Every structure is written in C-alpha cells, then in structure tokens.
Protein backbone atom coordinates (compact mmCIF):
# COMPACT_ATOMS: atom_id res chain seq x y z
CA MET A 1 18.55 -23.72 -161.78
CA LYS A 2 18.65 -23.68 -157.97
CA LEU A 3 21.23 -22.25 -155.61
CA GLY A 4 22.35 -24.47 -152.75
CA ILE A 5 25.02 -25.41 -150.26
CA ASN A 6 26.82 -28.64 -149.47
CA THR A 7 29.07 -30.20 -146.91
CA TYR A 8 32.09 -28.56 -148.57
CA THR A 9 30.60 -25.15 -147.87
CA TYR A 10 31.30 -25.97 -144.21
CA MET A 11 34.34 -28.26 -144.10
CA TRP A 12 35.88 -26.58 -141.06
CA SER A 13 32.54 -26.58 -139.23
CA ILE A 14 32.02 -30.30 -139.90
CA GLY A 15 35.62 -31.32 -139.25
CA PHE A 16 38.09 -33.52 -141.10
CA GLY A 17 41.18 -35.55 -140.24
CA GLU A 18 42.51 -34.27 -136.94
CA VAL A 19 40.46 -31.07 -137.19
CA ARG A 20 37.46 -31.72 -134.97
CA PRO A 21 35.28 -28.89 -133.59
CA ALA A 22 33.86 -29.32 -130.09
CA GLU A 23 30.37 -29.23 -131.63
CA PRO A 24 30.66 -30.37 -135.26
CA LEU A 25 28.00 -29.37 -137.77
CA THR A 26 25.65 -32.31 -138.31
CA ALA A 27 23.43 -33.27 -141.23
CA MET A 28 20.45 -31.73 -139.44
CA GLY A 29 22.56 -28.66 -138.75
CA LEU A 30 23.32 -28.36 -142.47
CA LEU A 31 19.59 -28.22 -143.19
CA GLY A 32 19.36 -25.47 -140.61
CA LYS A 33 22.12 -23.53 -142.36
CA ALA A 34 20.25 -23.81 -145.65
CA ARG A 35 17.12 -22.45 -144.05
CA GLU A 36 19.02 -19.56 -142.48
CA LEU A 37 20.59 -18.69 -145.83
CA GLY A 38 17.30 -18.98 -147.70
CA VAL A 39 18.42 -21.72 -150.08
CA ARG A 40 16.30 -24.79 -150.91
CA LEU A 41 18.98 -27.22 -152.04
CA VAL A 42 21.43 -29.22 -149.91
CA GLN A 43 24.02 -31.61 -151.33
CA VAL A 44 25.50 -34.00 -148.76
CA GLY A 45 28.99 -35.28 -149.56
CA PRO A 46 31.25 -38.06 -148.33
CA ASN A 47 32.68 -35.86 -145.57
CA LEU A 48 29.31 -36.22 -143.81
CA PRO A 49 27.91 -39.49 -145.18
CA LEU A 50 24.22 -40.07 -144.66
CA ASP A 51 24.66 -43.85 -144.68
CA SER A 52 26.35 -43.50 -141.30
CA LEU A 53 23.02 -42.37 -139.79
CA SER A 54 20.63 -44.73 -138.09
CA GLU A 55 17.29 -45.47 -139.75
CA ALA A 56 15.55 -43.18 -137.26
CA GLU A 57 18.04 -40.36 -137.86
CA LEU A 58 17.75 -40.77 -141.62
CA ASP A 59 13.95 -40.64 -141.45
CA ARG A 60 14.12 -37.51 -139.31
CA PHE A 61 16.54 -35.87 -141.73
CA ASP A 62 14.29 -36.71 -144.68
CA ARG A 63 11.14 -35.43 -142.92
CA GLN A 64 12.83 -32.17 -141.95
CA ALA A 65 14.06 -31.53 -145.49
CA ARG A 66 10.55 -32.11 -146.85
CA GLU A 67 8.95 -29.93 -144.18
CA TRP A 68 11.30 -27.05 -145.05
CA ASP A 69 10.95 -27.69 -148.81
CA ILE A 70 14.68 -28.39 -149.19
CA GLU A 71 15.72 -30.54 -152.13
CA LEU A 72 18.41 -33.10 -151.38
CA GLU A 73 21.30 -34.30 -153.52
CA LEU A 74 23.82 -36.95 -152.53
CA GLY A 75 27.55 -37.08 -153.00
CA THR A 76 30.01 -39.94 -152.63
CA ARG A 77 33.30 -41.10 -154.08
CA GLY A 78 34.27 -44.18 -156.05
CA LEU A 79 32.98 -46.14 -159.05
CA GLU A 80 32.57 -49.54 -157.43
CA THR A 81 29.26 -50.94 -158.70
CA ASP A 82 27.97 -52.32 -155.39
CA HIS A 83 28.80 -49.08 -153.56
CA LEU A 84 27.13 -46.85 -156.14
CA SER A 85 24.09 -49.13 -156.26
CA ARG A 86 23.65 -48.61 -152.51
CA GLN A 87 24.12 -44.87 -152.90
CA LEU A 88 21.53 -44.80 -155.68
CA ALA A 89 19.06 -46.65 -153.48
CA LEU A 90 19.66 -44.06 -150.75
CA SER A 91 19.29 -41.26 -153.31
CA ASN A 92 15.97 -42.69 -154.43
CA ARG A 93 14.75 -42.93 -150.85
CA LEU A 94 15.55 -39.26 -150.23
CA GLY A 95 14.24 -37.99 -153.54
CA SER A 96 17.68 -37.01 -154.81
CA ARG A 97 17.78 -36.76 -158.60
CA LEU A 98 21.58 -36.37 -158.69
CA LEU A 99 24.38 -38.52 -157.29
CA ARG A 100 27.84 -36.98 -157.42
CA THR A 101 30.95 -39.14 -157.29
CA ILE A 102 34.71 -38.98 -157.77
CA PRO A 103 35.87 -41.37 -160.53
CA GLU A 104 38.19 -43.61 -158.56
CA ILE A 105 38.55 -47.24 -157.53
CA GLY A 106 39.99 -48.03 -154.13
CA GLY A 107 40.94 -44.40 -153.72
CA GLN A 108 42.95 -44.33 -156.95
CA THR A 109 42.12 -43.00 -160.40
CA PRO A 110 41.56 -46.06 -162.64
CA PRO A 111 42.81 -46.38 -166.21
CA LEU A 112 40.70 -44.13 -168.41
CA ALA A 113 39.60 -47.05 -170.60
CA ASP A 114 38.06 -48.82 -167.58
CA ILE A 115 35.73 -46.01 -166.50
CA PRO A 116 33.01 -46.47 -169.17
CA HIS A 117 32.60 -50.11 -168.10
CA TYR A 118 31.79 -49.11 -164.51
CA LEU A 119 29.36 -46.45 -165.70
CA ARG A 120 27.50 -48.78 -168.04
CA GLN A 121 26.91 -51.21 -165.17
CA LEU A 122 24.81 -48.53 -163.50
CA LEU A 123 22.80 -47.31 -166.48
CA PRO A 124 19.79 -49.63 -165.92
CA GLN A 125 19.45 -48.46 -162.30
CA LEU A 126 19.99 -44.79 -163.22
CA GLU A 127 17.37 -44.97 -165.95
CA ALA A 128 14.83 -46.89 -163.86
CA GLN A 129 15.09 -44.44 -160.95
CA GLY A 130 15.46 -41.27 -163.03
CA ILE A 131 18.69 -40.30 -161.28
CA ARG A 132 21.62 -38.58 -162.97
CA LEU A 133 25.19 -39.52 -162.06
CA GLY A 134 27.73 -36.69 -162.05
CA LEU A 135 31.48 -37.33 -162.21
CA GLU A 136 33.42 -34.54 -160.53
CA ASN A 137 36.52 -33.35 -162.35
CA GLY A 138 39.83 -32.73 -160.65
CA LYS A 139 42.23 -35.63 -161.17
CA ILE A 140 41.54 -36.44 -164.81
CA PRO A 141 42.30 -33.97 -167.65
CA SER A 142 39.08 -32.40 -168.81
CA GLU A 143 39.35 -33.60 -172.42
CA ASP A 144 39.83 -37.18 -171.21
CA LEU A 145 36.86 -36.90 -168.87
CA ARG A 146 34.75 -35.48 -171.68
CA ALA A 147 35.76 -38.42 -173.90
CA VAL A 148 34.51 -40.83 -171.21
CA ILE A 149 31.13 -39.11 -171.06
CA GLU A 150 30.86 -39.07 -174.85
CA GLU A 151 31.68 -42.79 -175.02
CA VAL A 152 29.01 -43.72 -172.48
CA ASP A 153 26.58 -41.45 -174.35
CA SER A 154 23.73 -41.39 -171.85
CA PRO A 155 21.72 -38.42 -170.54
CA GLN A 156 21.93 -40.09 -167.12
CA VAL A 157 25.71 -39.59 -166.88
CA GLY A 158 27.34 -36.17 -166.82
CA ILE A 159 29.75 -33.87 -165.02
CA VAL A 160 29.81 -32.14 -161.66
CA LEU A 161 31.92 -29.17 -162.70
CA ASP A 162 34.44 -27.81 -160.23
CA MET A 163 36.80 -25.71 -162.32
CA VAL A 164 39.12 -24.92 -159.42
CA ASN A 165 39.83 -28.60 -158.70
CA SER A 166 41.50 -28.92 -162.09
CA LEU A 167 44.27 -26.51 -161.11
CA ALA A 168 45.88 -29.68 -159.74
CA VAL A 169 46.08 -31.26 -163.24
CA PRO A 170 47.00 -28.37 -164.02
CA GLU A 171 44.41 -26.76 -166.28
CA GLY A 172 42.98 -23.25 -166.41
CA TRP A 173 39.48 -22.87 -165.03
CA LYS A 174 37.99 -21.27 -168.15
CA TYR A 175 39.36 -24.03 -170.37
CA VAL A 176 37.90 -26.69 -168.07
CA ALA A 177 34.52 -24.96 -168.00
CA GLN A 178 34.37 -24.67 -171.79
CA THR A 179 35.44 -28.28 -172.30
CA LEU A 180 32.95 -29.81 -169.87
CA ALA A 181 30.07 -27.32 -170.17
CA PRO A 182 27.85 -29.41 -172.53
CA PHE A 183 27.81 -32.30 -170.05
CA THR A 184 27.52 -30.37 -166.78
CA ASN A 185 24.64 -31.40 -164.52
CA CYS A 186 25.87 -29.58 -161.41
CA LEU A 187 28.22 -26.65 -160.76
CA HIS A 188 30.39 -26.46 -157.65
CA LEU A 189 31.13 -22.75 -157.52
CA LYS A 190 34.00 -21.56 -155.37
CA ASP A 191 35.90 -18.36 -155.89
CA PHE A 192 39.65 -18.06 -155.45
CA VAL A 193 42.71 -15.94 -156.09
CA VAL A 194 46.14 -16.90 -157.40
CA GLN A 195 48.88 -14.70 -155.96
CA ARG A 196 52.64 -14.59 -156.23
CA VAL A 197 54.56 -15.33 -153.06
CA TRP A 198 56.71 -12.49 -151.74
CA HIS A 199 59.96 -13.79 -153.29
CA MET A 200 58.22 -14.04 -156.71
CA MET A 201 59.22 -17.69 -157.18
CA GLY A 202 55.87 -19.42 -157.15
CA PHE A 203 52.21 -18.83 -156.40
CA THR A 204 49.60 -19.53 -153.75
CA VAL A 205 45.97 -20.43 -154.42
CA GLU A 206 43.51 -19.30 -151.77
CA GLY A 207 39.75 -19.19 -151.49
CA ARG A 208 37.60 -16.07 -151.39
CA PRO A 209 33.90 -15.36 -150.88
CA ALA A 210 31.93 -15.58 -154.12
CA GLY A 211 32.47 -12.39 -156.08
CA LYS A 212 35.68 -11.45 -154.27
CA GLY A 213 38.06 -13.68 -156.25
CA GLN A 214 39.18 -14.17 -159.84
CA VAL A 215 36.27 -16.27 -161.11
CA ASP A 216 34.17 -14.40 -163.67
CA ILE A 217 30.80 -15.67 -162.45
CA PRO A 218 28.63 -14.09 -165.19
CA TRP A 219 30.93 -15.56 -167.86
CA LEU A 220 30.83 -18.98 -166.21
CA LEU A 221 27.04 -19.12 -165.95
CA GLU A 222 26.60 -17.83 -169.49
CA THR A 223 29.09 -20.39 -170.85
CA LEU A 224 27.15 -23.24 -169.24
CA HIS A 225 23.77 -21.92 -170.36
CA THR A 226 24.99 -21.39 -173.93
CA ALA A 227 26.22 -25.00 -174.01
CA GLY A 228 22.74 -26.19 -173.06
CA ALA A 229 23.70 -27.46 -169.61
CA ARG A 230 20.96 -28.18 -167.05
CA PHE A 231 22.49 -27.60 -163.64
CA ASN A 232 22.12 -26.41 -160.09
CA VAL A 233 24.74 -24.22 -158.43
CA ILE A 234 26.31 -25.39 -155.17
CA LEU A 235 28.43 -22.93 -153.19
CA GLU A 236 31.74 -24.31 -151.94
CA LEU A 237 34.35 -22.44 -149.94
CA TRP A 238 38.10 -22.57 -149.30
CA PRO A 239 38.52 -20.31 -146.27
CA PRO A 240 42.17 -20.15 -145.15
CA GLU A 241 43.09 -21.41 -141.70
CA GLN A 242 43.11 -18.71 -139.02
CA LYS A 243 44.91 -18.60 -135.65
CA THR A 244 42.30 -20.79 -133.98
CA LEU A 245 39.77 -23.31 -135.25
CA GLN A 246 36.91 -21.19 -133.94
CA GLU A 247 38.17 -18.15 -135.85
CA THR A 248 38.38 -20.28 -139.00
CA ILE A 249 34.83 -21.55 -138.47
CA ASP A 250 33.59 -18.00 -137.88
CA LEU A 251 35.23 -16.91 -141.15
CA GLU A 252 33.65 -19.84 -142.99
CA GLN A 253 30.20 -18.96 -141.64
CA ALA A 254 30.62 -15.31 -142.62
CA TRP A 255 31.81 -16.22 -146.11
CA ALA A 256 28.82 -18.51 -146.64
CA LEU A 257 26.41 -15.68 -145.85
CA GLU A 258 28.33 -13.14 -147.96
CA SER A 259 28.62 -15.56 -150.88
CA ILE A 260 24.95 -16.54 -150.98
CA ARG A 261 23.95 -12.88 -150.86
CA HIS A 262 26.23 -12.18 -153.83
CA LEU A 263 25.08 -15.20 -155.84
CA ARG A 264 21.46 -14.17 -155.39
CA SER A 265 22.15 -11.39 -157.90
CA TYR A 266 22.52 -14.15 -160.53
CA ILE A 267 20.32 -16.97 -159.24
CA GLY A 268 16.88 -16.22 -157.88
CA ASP A 269 15.28 -19.70 -158.12
C-alpha cells in the first residue's frame, strides 16, 4: 500500500471551468508536489489529461517520474472501448498498473445492464498488459456497482473507492465502504464534515484536512484490509472557496501538507 496524491488533491491550483490561476499547476508541477510531500505515487486524472501533452512533454514527464522514483497511475472518464483502449496504451507506456474511470457513456450513466459488456471488451487488453481497471463510485448505488463487478468476475476489474462521492446517491460512507471493500483496488481518501445550517433546515457538506473531519480513517483502512483489498491510498481534498482564488490555493496547499503528515501515521510505504 502506497500513499499518493492526484490531480484532485490540487483542483484549485490546476483550475477548472472559469476558475483559472495565473500560473496553473502542470503535470510536471504535480510531480514536484509529490517530491516535496515525500510521496512516491501520482495519479493523473481527466482534469489534467496527459494525452493533451506533446510527445516530447510526455517523454519528459515519464523520465522525471522515473528519476524521482514516482509511480504513475492514470485516470479518465467514460467506458467507450476505443477511448479506454487508448488510455490503456498510454498507461502501459508510463508503467501505470491502474486505470481509473467513471462508468459513463457520452457523459451519462448508462443502463446498469450495459456496463458489463463494455468491461468485457477490454478484458483481453487488461490481461495482456497486466493493468487493473477501477470504476469510481459516485453516481451508481454501491450494491448495483458491486453486482456489475461480480458479473464481470475478473481480477483486472475493480473499484476506485471514494466513499464521499456516494453522498450524492445518497448513501452513507461506511455502508459504501463495506459494500465495495472486497473489490477495491484504489482508495480516494478525502475527509469531510456534515453540518446543519444555522436555521436547522438542511445540511452542508464541506471538506477538511485528513484527520480533521468525520471520516474514521483507522476503521476505513481496517475494513478494506479485512476484506482482502489490495489498494493504494490517494489523498483528495475539498477545500472551500475563500475570498480570493489565491487564498483558496494557499489553503489547498496547506491542507495537502497537513493531510499527508497525518496519513503518514497510518501509511509508511
């Protein structure tokens, strides 16, 4: 089990939508962050896609990761066979043994019965290259997603567990973790708090540094280990927007450092 960061550790620093820093964090910059934090795993997601880099930039990124002994994992979204085949080829080139994706077609969640078909199309390539595919939960109820994985029945297909995402279903994070634990091949760990609004009619969900929220991290790790899961842990953050973008970025950077320091009490790699 390794501890790492990804592009969702630094969403504000990278930029999204109309939120664009003057000097956005780049893929090379993300490697630099990993080195500063002392982690040897970087997962690059679709908010900073590596296939947008030139061949020279991609080679430089790969060489730098190898020089600093940083393992790479790739993340994308979608189940389209041609798209995932290209992402698997890129994963193989960079030595990534895990490809994370969101189970959707054309940006929409497909009928549950259709998902196993898409996954089976990829099994020969996954097996030949020794890469595991991880479906991230969030839009599909956890029992339904587990049923998909059980139907495909391949060690090359599993779950990227993000318990907090499933609040949108809505499902409790402990229930999601217990349901998907046996099939988890990556954990996206982000801490959070649920608080009542001042008028008591509703709640807000807001991120916190790891160890400062309501996630019972020892329970979570023990639940996954007990289920026999083989997984790395990727820190993700939900820092709330501050008065200025720079203040928000500064908070994000501080939370990353604080969170990695806290998680080192559980994960030494």
